Amino acid sequence: MNSGVFPNRPAMKFILLHAPAAPLFLVPIRRNFSKRWNELAVIELAVSSHLPGEKTLTHPDCAGWIAPMFSKAARALAQSRRFPVVNLSNRFGPCAHAINVFLDEEEIAALAVEHLIERGYRSFAYIGFGKVPGFSRERGACFRKVLQSRGYEVREHYINPLPNPHPVEFGEAVHGEIRRLLRSWTAPTGIFAANDELAGRILRIRREDSSGHLPFHAVVGVDDRFHHGERDSYARHLTSVRPAFEALGRRAAEVLHEAMDDRSSRPPGSVVRVSGAVLIERESTCGFATGHPVVNEMARWIRAEVDEGRAPAVADLAREFQLKPRAASALFAKQASVSLREFTMGQRLTRAARLLLETDLRVGEIAQRCAFGKQGDLNDVFQRHFHRTPGEFRRHSRGDTAAMTQARPCTAAPNR
């Protein structure tokens, strides 16, 4: 690609790609669009980091335009174009003057739903931004649709920014609203956020809050950054759906090429959906770190042992995985950011909380089923970590309307 270079020779047709430097998810889109376009056509591809003006778009050699459409100004420019325009952004909803190539939002929502249900959650919430139609609203609607097809309801919350807010004021307002929402839900809730930035805020609040039930809330985001940098303190903890950005770029090139060759039956305003999203499983929902197969199996084995009423020791796990105890502990702590002992205790307390919510078993029997020696041991640990006794937790949670759709919670470890 020739960034910022436009052909100036007569009869040299060019396609204009509006590709701003940020956000980062545009990198794989424009890379794959360029690669696929060069395979399909001989027309040169010109790249602009800034929104093009009328002069560029009325150039006689401009044969097409592909744009993220991140602004209303870009939508307005598309209205009078004589050549095909492809829109890749659903920020404001489909553009009537362009062929819209979008990610399959229902597929993204379905991955989040299946993941949360598999983790045992039965109470769900979606948190997005803004009142205007666009990807946030559509993502929430798809999450609701998939859940309703499975027989579940969902709370939908849209955070509306203050008019012309100062960045600090905006952050504080969003932070406060999310905190209020999390504290209002006593039943363990599987939360789907519109994007990773918002999910990261939720995860940080969940980790920082010392109230009893917040650790039971799970968080799933959507990876709108494509990759996480080391500066993102929450990145290695956040379960996220990764959209098919590479496929989106390739498909956009194909759609534009078809439209230029008059082989496309798609009129302006039509929508082409692109699938291929994957879920990246991390600690915010499943209690173990990203991607390490041995650590993943360790966590699953510990949960299975706890579900059978046992409290496995480090030596037991090391023997199961043919490792030395010190090596097993070091590996798990490095990958999961939590010690084996803390993780195991978190799973035992999670099971106790689930039994308190879902059954009428006496607290003493629950203590035995969770490998506590006696009821007093469970009372002490439960109150120390969650600031209420098992009985208080049961009464408080069952008194909330949210507890009518109870969940099997999951947490990496109790608050420390």
Protein backbone atom coordinates (compact mmCIF):
# COMPACT_ATOMS: atom_id res chain seq x y z
CA MET A 1 0.00 0.00 0.00
CA ASN A 2 1.10 3.53 -0.69
CA SER A 3 -0.02 5.39 2.42
CA GLY A 4 -1.16 8.89 1.56
CA VAL A 5 -0.07 8.61 -2.11
CA PHE A 6 -2.72 9.23 -4.75
CA PRO A 7 -2.21 8.56 -8.49
CA ASN A 8 -1.94 11.71 -10.57
CA ARG A 9 -1.45 10.25 -14.03
CA PRO A 10 -4.39 10.32 -16.48
CA ALA A 11 -6.48 7.15 -16.66
CA MET A 12 -4.74 5.70 -13.60
CA LYS A 13 -7.76 4.49 -11.64
CA PHE A 14 -7.39 4.13 -7.90
CA ILE A 15 -9.39 2.84 -4.95
CA LEU A 16 -9.32 4.98 -1.82
CA LEU A 17 -9.02 3.27 1.55
CA HIS A 18 -9.73 5.52 4.51
CA ALA A 19 -7.63 3.88 7.24
CA PRO A 20 -6.93 6.00 10.31
CA ALA A 21 -3.99 5.03 12.47
CA ALA A 22 -6.28 4.22 15.41
CA PRO A 23 -8.02 2.17 16.60
CA LEU A 24 -5.66 -0.79 16.34
CA PHE A 25 -8.26 -3.26 15.08
CA LEU A 26 -8.07 -1.50 11.69
CA VAL A 27 -4.55 -2.84 11.21
CA PRO A 28 -5.58 -6.43 10.33
CA ILE A 29 -8.60 -5.16 8.38
CA ARG A 30 -6.61 -2.93 6.04
CA ARG A 31 -3.75 -5.45 5.75
CA ASN A 32 -6.08 -8.22 4.65
CA PHE A 33 -8.17 -5.91 2.46
CA SER A 34 -4.99 -4.84 0.64
CA LYS A 35 -3.76 -8.39 0.20
CA ARG A 36 -7.07 -9.65 -1.16
CA TRP A 37 -7.56 -6.57 -3.35
CA ASN A 38 -4.18 -7.05 -4.99
CA GLU A 39 -5.17 -10.65 -5.79
CA LEU A 40 -8.46 -9.56 -7.39
CA ALA A 41 -7.74 -6.33 -9.26
CA VAL A 42 -5.08 -4.30 -11.02
CA ILE A 43 -6.53 -0.97 -9.88
CA GLU A 44 -4.13 0.73 -7.49
CA LEU A 45 -5.02 1.04 -3.80
CA ALA A 46 -4.41 4.43 -2.20
CA VAL A 47 -4.54 4.80 1.58
CA SER A 48 -5.47 7.91 3.52
CA SER A 49 -5.14 8.28 7.28
CA HIS A 50 -7.54 11.23 7.25
CA LEU A 51 -11.10 11.52 6.05
CA PRO A 52 -10.88 12.44 2.34
CA GLY A 53 -12.36 15.67 1.07
CA GLU A 54 -14.59 16.43 -1.88
CA LYS A 55 -11.60 17.13 -4.13
CA THR A 56 -10.25 13.63 -3.70
CA LEU A 57 -13.61 11.90 -3.98
CA THR A 58 -14.57 13.84 -7.14
CA HIS A 59 -11.26 13.05 -8.84
CA PRO A 60 -12.11 11.46 -12.22
CA ASP A 61 -9.85 8.49 -11.53
CA CYS A 62 -11.35 7.66 -8.12
CA ALA A 63 -13.12 4.36 -8.78
CA GLY A 64 -14.28 3.35 -5.30
CA TRP A 65 -14.06 4.06 -1.61
CA ILE A 66 -13.82 1.80 1.41
CA ALA A 67 -14.29 3.52 4.75
CA PRO A 68 -14.63 2.70 8.43
CA MET A 69 -17.34 5.37 8.59
CA PHE A 70 -16.49 6.42 12.13
CA SER A 71 -18.15 9.81 11.75
CA LYS A 72 -21.34 11.35 10.47
CA ALA A 73 -19.18 13.40 8.09
CA ALA A 74 -18.05 10.23 6.34
CA ARG A 75 -21.65 9.11 5.94
CA ALA A 76 -22.53 12.46 4.41
CA LEU A 77 -19.67 12.19 1.90
CA ALA A 78 -20.98 8.81 0.77
CA GLN A 79 -24.35 10.21 -0.25
CA SER A 80 -23.31 11.80 -3.56
CA ARG A 81 -20.67 9.37 -4.74
CA ARG A 82 -20.95 7.98 -8.25
CA PHE A 83 -18.75 4.96 -7.51
CA PRO A 84 -19.23 2.00 -5.12
CA VAL A 85 -18.69 2.69 -1.43
CA VAL A 86 -18.12 -0.04 1.18
CA ASN A 87 -18.76 0.76 4.85
CA LEU A 88 -17.07 -1.36 7.54
CA SER A 89 -18.35 0.35 10.69
CA ASN A 90 -21.69 -0.15 12.37
CA ARG A 91 -21.13 2.68 14.81
CA PHE A 92 -24.19 4.54 13.52
CA GLY A 93 -25.93 1.55 11.94
CA PRO A 94 -25.97 0.69 8.22
CA CYS A 95 -25.31 3.49 5.75
CA ALA A 96 -28.02 3.81 3.09
CA HIS A 97 -25.50 4.98 0.48
CA ALA A 98 -22.97 2.18 0.87
CA ILE A 99 -22.74 -1.58 0.83
CA ASN A 100 -22.23 -2.43 4.50
CA VAL A 101 -19.83 -5.26 5.38
CA PHE A 102 -20.20 -5.97 9.08
CA LEU A 103 -19.08 -8.50 11.63
CA ASP A 104 -21.71 -11.10 12.51
CA GLU A 105 -22.94 -9.65 15.80
CA GLU A 106 -25.24 -12.59 16.51
CA GLU A 107 -22.28 -14.96 16.25
CA ILE A 108 -20.30 -12.78 18.67
CA ALA A 109 -23.19 -12.72 21.14
CA ALA A 110 -23.76 -16.47 20.82
CA LEU A 111 -20.14 -17.20 21.75
CA ALA A 112 -20.49 -15.09 24.90
CA VAL A 113 -23.82 -16.71 25.80
CA GLU A 114 -22.58 -20.27 25.36
CA HIS A 115 -19.46 -19.55 27.38
CA LEU A 116 -21.39 -18.04 30.30
CA ILE A 117 -24.01 -20.79 30.32
CA GLU A 118 -21.30 -23.45 30.26
CA ARG A 119 -19.80 -21.76 33.32
CA GLY A 120 -23.15 -22.16 35.10
CA TYR A 121 -24.48 -18.60 35.00
CA ARG A 122 -28.25 -18.17 34.90
CA SER A 123 -28.50 -14.42 35.47
CA PHE A 124 -27.25 -12.15 32.67
CA ALA A 125 -26.60 -8.49 31.92
CA TYR A 126 -25.39 -6.47 28.95
CA ILE A 127 -23.61 -3.12 29.38
CA GLY A 128 -23.08 -0.80 26.43
CA PHE A 129 -22.59 2.86 25.59
CA GLY A 130 -24.95 5.50 24.25
CA LYS A 131 -28.52 5.94 23.04
CA VAL A 132 -27.87 6.16 19.29
CA PRO A 133 -28.42 3.10 17.05
CA GLY A 134 -25.24 1.30 16.14
CA PHE A 135 -22.99 -1.58 17.09
CA SER A 136 -23.52 -1.20 20.86
CA ARG A 137 -27.30 -1.40 20.57
CA GLU A 138 -27.13 -4.16 17.96
CA ARG A 139 -24.68 -6.17 20.07
CA GLY A 140 -27.02 -5.90 23.05
CA ALA A 141 -30.05 -6.86 20.96
CA CYS A 142 -28.24 -9.95 19.64
CA PHE A 143 -27.20 -10.95 23.18
CA ARG A 144 -30.84 -10.66 24.26
CA LYS A 145 -32.07 -12.61 21.23
CA VAL A 146 -29.67 -15.51 21.79
CA LEU A 147 -30.46 -15.68 25.51
CA GLN A 148 -34.21 -15.60 24.90
CA SER A 149 -33.85 -18.47 22.44
CA ARG A 150 -32.30 -20.41 25.32
CA GLY A 151 -35.08 -19.43 27.74
CA TYR A 152 -33.26 -16.69 29.70
CA GLU A 153 -33.83 -12.99 30.27
CA VAL A 154 -31.19 -10.27 30.33
CA ARG A 155 -30.81 -6.83 31.86
CA GLU A 156 -29.65 -4.22 29.34
CA HIS A 157 -27.90 -1.07 30.53
CA TYR A 158 -26.62 1.71 28.26
CA ILE A 159 -24.29 4.26 29.80
CA ASN A 160 -24.90 7.70 28.33
CA PRO A 161 -21.89 10.03 28.41
CA LEU A 162 -22.26 13.49 29.89
CA PRO A 163 -22.53 16.34 27.36
CA ASN A 164 -19.00 17.51 26.50
CA PRO A 165 -17.46 15.84 29.53
CA HIS A 166 -13.95 16.35 30.83
CA PRO A 167 -12.08 13.02 30.44
CA VAL A 168 -11.66 12.68 34.20
CA GLU A 169 -15.32 13.49 34.86
CA PHE A 170 -16.39 11.04 32.16
CA GLY A 171 -14.26 8.25 33.65
CA GLU A 172 -15.56 8.92 37.14
CA ALA A 173 -19.18 8.97 35.95
CA VAL A 174 -18.83 5.68 34.06
CA HIS A 175 -16.95 4.10 36.95
CA GLY A 176 -19.65 5.15 39.43
CA GLU A 177 -22.53 3.92 37.28
CA ILE A 178 -20.92 0.52 36.73
CA ARG A 179 -20.19 0.16 40.44
CA ARG A 180 -23.82 0.91 41.28
CA LEU A 181 -25.00 -1.69 38.78
CA LEU A 182 -22.70 -4.40 40.11
CA ARG A 183 -23.70 -3.75 43.70
CA SER A 184 -27.39 -3.94 42.81
CA TRP A 185 -27.09 -7.57 41.64
CA THR A 186 -26.91 -10.10 44.43
CA ALA A 187 -27.28 -13.17 42.22
CA PRO A 188 -24.06 -14.10 40.39
CA THR A 189 -24.34 -12.48 36.98
CA GLY A 190 -22.69 -13.17 33.64
CA ILE A 191 -21.93 -9.76 32.12
CA PHE A 192 -21.38 -9.15 28.41
CA ALA A 193 -19.80 -5.77 27.61
CA ALA A 194 -19.94 -3.91 24.30
CA ASN A 195 -16.15 -3.91 23.98
CA ASP A 196 -12.96 -4.68 25.86
CA GLU A 197 -12.49 -1.14 27.13
CA LEU A 198 -15.82 -1.27 28.94
CA ALA A 199 -15.27 -4.86 30.05
CA GLY A 200 -11.91 -3.82 31.47
CA ARG A 201 -13.58 -1.15 33.60
CA ILE A 202 -16.05 -3.72 34.90
CA LEU A 203 -13.29 -6.18 35.69
CA ARG A 204 -11.24 -3.59 37.55
CA ILE A 205 -14.24 -2.55 39.65
CA ARG A 206 -15.07 -6.16 40.39
CA ARG A 207 -11.51 -6.79 41.57
CA GLU A 208 -11.29 -3.60 43.63
CA ASP A 209 -14.64 -3.88 45.39
CA SER A 210 -14.66 -5.53 48.80
CA SER A 211 -18.40 -6.21 49.05
CA GLY A 212 -19.46 -9.81 49.33
CA HIS A 213 -21.06 -10.80 46.04
CA LEU A 214 -19.07 -8.91 43.39
CA PRO A 215 -16.46 -11.66 42.90
CA PHE A 216 -19.24 -13.91 41.61
CA HIS A 217 -19.91 -11.69 38.59
CA ALA A 218 -18.23 -12.82 35.36
CA VAL A 219 -17.16 -10.47 32.55
CA VAL A 220 -16.89 -11.13 28.80
CA GLY A 221 -15.76 -8.40 26.41
CA VAL A 222 -15.32 -8.03 22.67
CA ASP A 223 -11.76 -7.52 21.50
CA ASP A 224 -12.00 -4.26 19.57
CA ARG A 225 -8.26 -3.68 19.95
CA PHE A 226 -7.28 -6.84 18.08
CA HIS A 227 -4.33 -7.42 20.40
CA HIS A 228 -3.62 -6.45 23.98
CA GLY A 229 -0.59 -4.42 24.93
CA GLU A 230 1.38 -4.83 28.09
CA ARG A 231 0.07 -1.45 29.23
CA ASP A 232 -3.45 -2.89 29.56
CA SER A 233 -3.36 -4.11 33.15
CA TYR A 234 -6.59 -6.07 32.71
CA ALA A 235 -5.72 -7.65 29.34
CA ARG A 236 -4.30 -10.90 30.60
CA HIS A 237 -7.34 -11.44 32.85
CA LEU A 238 -10.19 -10.60 30.46
CA THR A 239 -12.20 -13.23 28.62
CA SER A 240 -12.99 -11.75 25.22
CA VAL A 241 -14.63 -12.57 21.91
CA ARG A 242 -12.20 -11.83 19.09
CA PRO A 243 -14.11 -10.78 15.95
CA ALA A 244 -13.02 -12.00 12.51
CA PHE A 245 -11.20 -8.79 11.56
CA GLU A 246 -9.00 -10.54 8.99
CA ALA A 247 -12.02 -12.11 7.29
CA LEU A 248 -13.79 -8.73 7.36
CA GLY A 249 -10.97 -7.13 5.37
CA ARG A 250 -10.88 -9.92 2.78
CA ARG A 251 -14.66 -9.96 2.35
CA ALA A 252 -14.79 -6.18 1.94
CA ALA A 253 -12.31 -6.41 -0.93
CA GLU A 254 -14.43 -9.08 -2.62
CA VAL A 255 -17.66 -7.10 -2.21
CA LEU A 256 -16.10 -3.92 -3.60
CA HIS A 257 -14.58 -5.81 -6.54
CA GLU A 258 -17.95 -7.38 -7.39
CA ALA A 259 -19.69 -4.01 -7.19
CA MET A 260 -17.17 -2.40 -9.56
CA ASP A 261 -17.56 -5.20 -12.08
CA ASP A 262 -21.35 -4.87 -12.00
CA ARG A 263 -21.55 -8.48 -10.88
CA SER A 264 -23.09 -7.67 -7.54
CA SER A 265 -26.82 -7.72 -6.97
CA ARG A 266 -26.40 -5.90 -3.67
CA PRO A 267 -27.84 -2.38 -3.73
CA PRO A 268 -26.55 0.43 -1.51
CA GLY A 269 -27.86 -0.04 2.01
CA SER A 270 -27.53 -3.82 1.95
CA VAL A 271 -25.62 -5.63 4.71
CA VAL A 272 -23.11 -8.46 4.30
CA ARG A 273 -22.31 -10.37 7.51
CA VAL A 274 -18.85 -11.84 8.15
CA SER A 275 -18.41 -14.75 10.56
CA GLY A 276 -15.39 -16.45 12.11
CA ALA A 277 -15.19 -14.99 15.63
CA VAL A 278 -13.48 -16.96 18.40
CA LEU A 279 -13.63 -16.74 22.18
CA ILE A 280 -10.38 -16.21 24.10
CA GLU A 281 -10.88 -17.68 27.56
CA ARG A 282 -9.30 -15.93 30.50
CA GLU A 283 -9.62 -15.42 34.22
CA SER A 284 -12.56 -12.99 34.22
CA THR A 285 -14.99 -15.89 33.78
CA CYS A 286 -13.21 -19.19 34.21
CA GLY A 287 -10.72 -18.69 37.00
CA PHE A 288 -7.53 -19.47 35.14
CA ALA A 289 -5.15 -17.70 32.87
CA THR A 290 -4.94 -17.51 29.11
CA GLY A 291 -3.85 -20.14 26.75
CA HIS A 292 -1.61 -22.46 28.80
CA PRO A 293 -2.94 -26.00 28.26
CA VAL A 294 -1.44 -27.54 31.40
CA VAL A 295 -2.73 -24.75 33.65
CA ASN A 296 -6.15 -25.02 32.02
CA GLU A 297 -6.25 -28.74 32.78
CA MET A 298 -5.05 -28.11 36.33
CA ALA A 299 -7.94 -25.70 36.92
CA ARG A 300 -10.48 -28.13 35.46
CA TRP A 301 -9.11 -30.96 37.60
CA ILE A 302 -9.32 -28.82 40.77
CA ARG A 303 -12.91 -27.83 40.01
CA ALA A 304 -13.87 -31.47 39.42
CA GLU A 305 -12.29 -32.47 42.73
CA VAL A 306 -14.10 -29.69 44.58
CA ASP A 307 -17.41 -30.69 42.97
CA GLU A 308 -16.84 -34.17 44.37
CA GLY A 309 -16.50 -32.71 47.85
CA ARG A 310 -12.72 -32.87 48.11
CA ALA A 311 -10.12 -30.19 48.83
CA PRO A 312 -7.09 -31.28 46.78
CA ALA A 313 -3.68 -30.35 48.13
CA VAL A 314 -0.78 -29.10 46.02
CA ALA A 315 0.88 -32.52 46.39
CA ASP A 316 -2.25 -34.21 44.99
CA LEU A 317 -2.27 -31.99 41.92
CA ALA A 318 1.47 -32.36 41.37
CA ARG A 319 1.13 -36.14 41.48
CA GLU A 320 -1.79 -36.05 39.02
CA PHE A 321 0.22 -33.99 36.52
CA GLN A 322 3.54 -35.69 37.18
CA LEU A 323 5.25 -32.55 38.43
CA LYS A 324 7.12 -31.62 41.54
CA PRO A 325 4.92 -29.65 43.98
CA ARG A 326 7.10 -26.55 43.80
CA ALA A 327 7.13 -26.62 39.97
CA ALA A 328 3.34 -27.08 39.83
CA SER A 329 2.79 -24.16 42.21
CA ALA A 330 5.17 -21.88 40.32
CA LEU A 331 3.65 -22.69 36.92
CA PHE A 332 0.09 -22.11 38.08
CA ALA A 333 0.88 -18.88 39.92
CA LYS A 334 2.77 -17.45 36.95
CA GLN A 335 0.06 -18.22 34.40
CA ALA A 336 -3.07 -17.64 36.54
CA SER A 337 -1.83 -14.73 38.70
CA VAL A 338 -3.17 -16.57 41.74
CA SER A 339 -1.68 -19.33 43.88
CA LEU A 340 -2.94 -22.90 43.75
CA ARG A 341 -4.11 -22.69 47.37
CA GLU A 342 -6.02 -19.46 46.75
CA PHE A 343 -7.59 -20.84 43.60
CA THR A 344 -8.70 -24.04 45.36
CA MET A 345 -10.18 -22.10 48.29
CA GLY A 346 -11.98 -19.83 45.82
CA GLN A 347 -13.54 -22.85 44.12
CA ARG A 348 -14.64 -24.32 47.47
CA LEU A 349 -16.25 -21.02 48.49
CA THR A 350 -17.87 -20.72 45.06
CA ARG A 351 -19.39 -24.18 45.46
CA ALA A 352 -20.62 -23.28 48.95
CA ALA A 353 -22.25 -20.08 47.64
CA ARG A 354 -23.88 -22.03 44.80
CA LEU A 355 -25.34 -24.57 47.22
CA LEU A 356 -26.60 -21.77 49.47
CA LEU A 357 -28.44 -20.20 46.53
CA GLU A 358 -29.68 -23.30 44.74
CA THR A 359 -30.54 -25.69 47.59
CA ASP A 360 -32.16 -25.76 51.02
CA LEU A 361 -29.32 -27.78 52.55
CA ARG A 362 -28.29 -26.86 56.07
CA VAL A 363 -25.11 -24.84 56.36
CA GLY A 364 -23.44 -27.67 58.24
CA GLU A 365 -24.13 -30.12 55.40
CA ILE A 366 -22.88 -27.58 52.85
CA ALA A 367 -19.67 -27.25 54.89
CA GLN A 368 -19.15 -31.03 54.66
CA ARG A 369 -19.85 -31.08 50.92
CA CYS A 370 -17.23 -28.36 50.41
CA ALA A 371 -14.56 -30.19 52.46
CA PHE A 372 -14.68 -27.91 55.50
CA GLY A 373 -14.22 -29.83 58.72
CA LYS A 374 -17.22 -28.27 60.43
CA GLN A 375 -19.79 -25.50 60.02
CA GLY A 376 -17.72 -23.08 62.07
CA ASP A 377 -14.78 -23.41 59.67
CA LEU A 378 -16.97 -22.49 56.71
CA ASN A 379 -18.54 -19.61 58.65
CA ASP A 380 -15.13 -18.15 59.51
CA VAL A 381 -13.67 -18.37 56.00
CA PHE A 382 -16.87 -17.24 54.26
CA GLN A 383 -17.29 -14.21 56.51
CA ARG A 384 -13.62 -13.27 56.30
CA HIS A 385 -13.67 -13.18 52.50
CA PHE A 386 -17.25 -12.08 51.74
CA HIS A 387 -18.08 -9.99 54.81
CA ARG A 388 -21.22 -11.93 55.70
CA THR A 389 -22.05 -15.33 57.11
CA PRO A 390 -23.42 -18.11 54.87
CA GLY A 391 -26.85 -17.61 56.39
CA GLU A 392 -26.78 -13.86 55.75
CA PHE A 393 -25.63 -14.46 52.19
CA ARG A 394 -28.52 -16.88 51.57
CA ARG A 395 -31.16 -14.55 53.04
CA HIS A 396 -29.84 -11.46 51.27
CA SER A 397 -29.50 -13.10 47.86
CA ARG A 398 -32.85 -14.88 47.95
CA GLY A 399 -34.53 -11.62 48.86
CA ASP A 400 -33.42 -10.08 45.59
CA THR A 401 -35.55 -10.55 42.49
CA ALA A 402 -32.38 -11.41 40.59
CA ALA A 403 -32.00 -14.55 42.67
CA MET A 404 -34.97 -16.09 40.88
CA THR A 405 -32.54 -16.88 38.05
CA GLN A 406 -29.69 -18.20 40.10
CA ALA A 407 -26.28 -19.11 38.81
CA ARG A 408 -23.31 -21.25 39.42
CA PRO A 409 -20.69 -18.60 40.15
CA CYS A 410 -17.06 -18.83 39.22
CA THR A 411 -14.16 -16.89 40.63
CA ALA A 412 -10.40 -17.12 40.51
CA ALA A 413 -10.02 -16.48 44.20
CA PRO A 414 -11.75 -14.60 46.99
CA ASN A 415 -10.95 -10.96 47.45
CA ARG A 416 -7.60 -10.50 49.04
